[in-house]
């Protein structure tokens, strides 16, 4: 029967740093497959700009509340 108690730390065995660019390559490929301009997004933006009620007062209020509630980063200790 083994005795319960603190386990001994595993010995440190340094390993060489490794980096994989597989994810970056996948993301780069996905980005290259996207069109430079997406007409449906441009049209949606035009509609928003033309709407005098956008953004709504509720959205403006929520954004303002978040700004007021956020910390002043100029006062944060480094």
Protein backbone atom coordinates (compact mmCIF):
# COMPACT_ATOMS: atom_id res chain seq x y z
CA UNK A 1 0.00 0.00 0.00
CA UNK A 2 1.41 3.43 -0.93
CA UNK A 3 1.52 6.19 1.60
CA UNK A 4 -0.34 9.40 0.78
CA UNK A 5 1.72 12.54 1.04
CA UNK A 6 3.19 15.33 -0.97
CA UNK A 7 4.37 14.21 -4.35
CA UNK A 8 7.89 14.99 -5.36
CA UNK A 9 8.30 17.46 -8.21
CA UNK A 10 9.13 16.09 -11.59
CA UNK A 11 12.69 16.71 -12.67
CA UNK A 12 13.14 19.67 -15.00
CA UNK A 13 14.07 18.61 -18.50
CA UNK A 14 14.58 21.55 -20.83
CA UNK A 15 13.01 21.21 -24.25
CA UNK A 16 13.78 23.32 -27.29
CA UNK A 17 11.19 25.95 -28.11
CA UNK A 18 8.90 24.96 -30.92
CA UNK A 19 6.55 26.95 -33.09
CA UNK A 20 3.97 25.76 -35.55
CA UNK A 21 2.77 27.97 -38.35
CA UNK A 22 0.00 25.60 -39.41
CA UNK A 23 -2.72 27.80 -37.92
CA UNK A 24 -1.22 30.95 -39.38
CA UNK A 25 -0.99 29.32 -42.81
CA UNK A 26 -4.64 28.24 -42.59
CA UNK A 27 -5.77 31.72 -41.56
CA UNK A 28 -3.66 33.35 -44.27
CA UNK A 29 -5.25 31.05 -46.87
CA UNK A 30 -8.76 31.76 -45.59
CA UNK A 31 -8.07 35.49 -45.77
CA UNK A 32 -6.78 35.22 -49.32
CA UNK A 33 -9.98 33.41 -50.35
CA UNK A 34 -12.10 36.36 -49.17
CA UNK A 35 -12.94 39.07 -51.68
CA UNK A 36 -11.21 42.40 -51.13
CA UNK A 37 -14.59 44.17 -51.11
CA UNK A 38 -17.81 42.57 -49.91
CA UNK A 39 -20.65 44.42 -51.65
CA UNK A 40 -23.28 43.29 -49.12
CA UNK A 41 -21.24 44.76 -46.26
CA UNK A 42 -20.69 48.01 -48.14
CA UNK A 43 -24.43 48.27 -48.82
CA UNK A 44 -25.24 47.64 -45.14
CA UNK A 45 -22.79 50.37 -44.11
CA UNK A 46 -24.36 52.80 -46.58
CA UNK A 47 -27.80 52.06 -45.17
CA UNK A 48 -26.56 52.68 -41.62
CA UNK A 49 -24.92 55.99 -42.59
CA UNK A 50 -28.11 57.14 -44.31
CA UNK A 51 -30.28 56.29 -41.27
CA UNK A 52 -30.60 59.39 -39.06
CA UNK A 53 -31.65 57.14 -36.15
CA UNK A 54 -28.45 55.08 -36.21
CA UNK A 55 -27.05 54.52 -33.73
CA UNK A 56 -30.11 54.54 -31.54
CA UNK A 57 -30.19 56.58 -28.32
CA UNK A 58 -30.13 53.29 -26.37
CA UNK A 59 -26.91 52.18 -28.06
CA UNK A 60 -25.32 55.59 -27.44
CA UNK A 61 -26.36 55.40 -23.77
CA UNK A 62 -24.88 51.90 -23.33
CA UNK A 63 -21.59 52.91 -24.97
CA UNK A 64 -21.41 56.04 -22.81
CA UNK A 65 -22.03 53.96 -19.66
CA UNK A 66 -19.23 51.59 -20.62
CA UNK A 67 -16.84 54.48 -21.24
CA UNK A 68 -17.67 56.06 -17.88
CA UNK A 69 -17.32 52.72 -16.08
CA UNK A 70 -13.96 51.86 -17.66
CA UNK A 71 -10.77 52.52 -15.70
CA UNK A 72 -8.64 55.54 -16.49
CA UNK A 73 -5.59 53.84 -17.97
CA UNK A 74 -3.46 56.93 -17.44
CA UNK A 75 -3.77 56.32 -13.69
CA UNK A 76 -2.89 52.61 -13.75
CA UNK A 77 0.45 51.72 -12.18
CA UNK A 78 2.84 50.00 -14.54
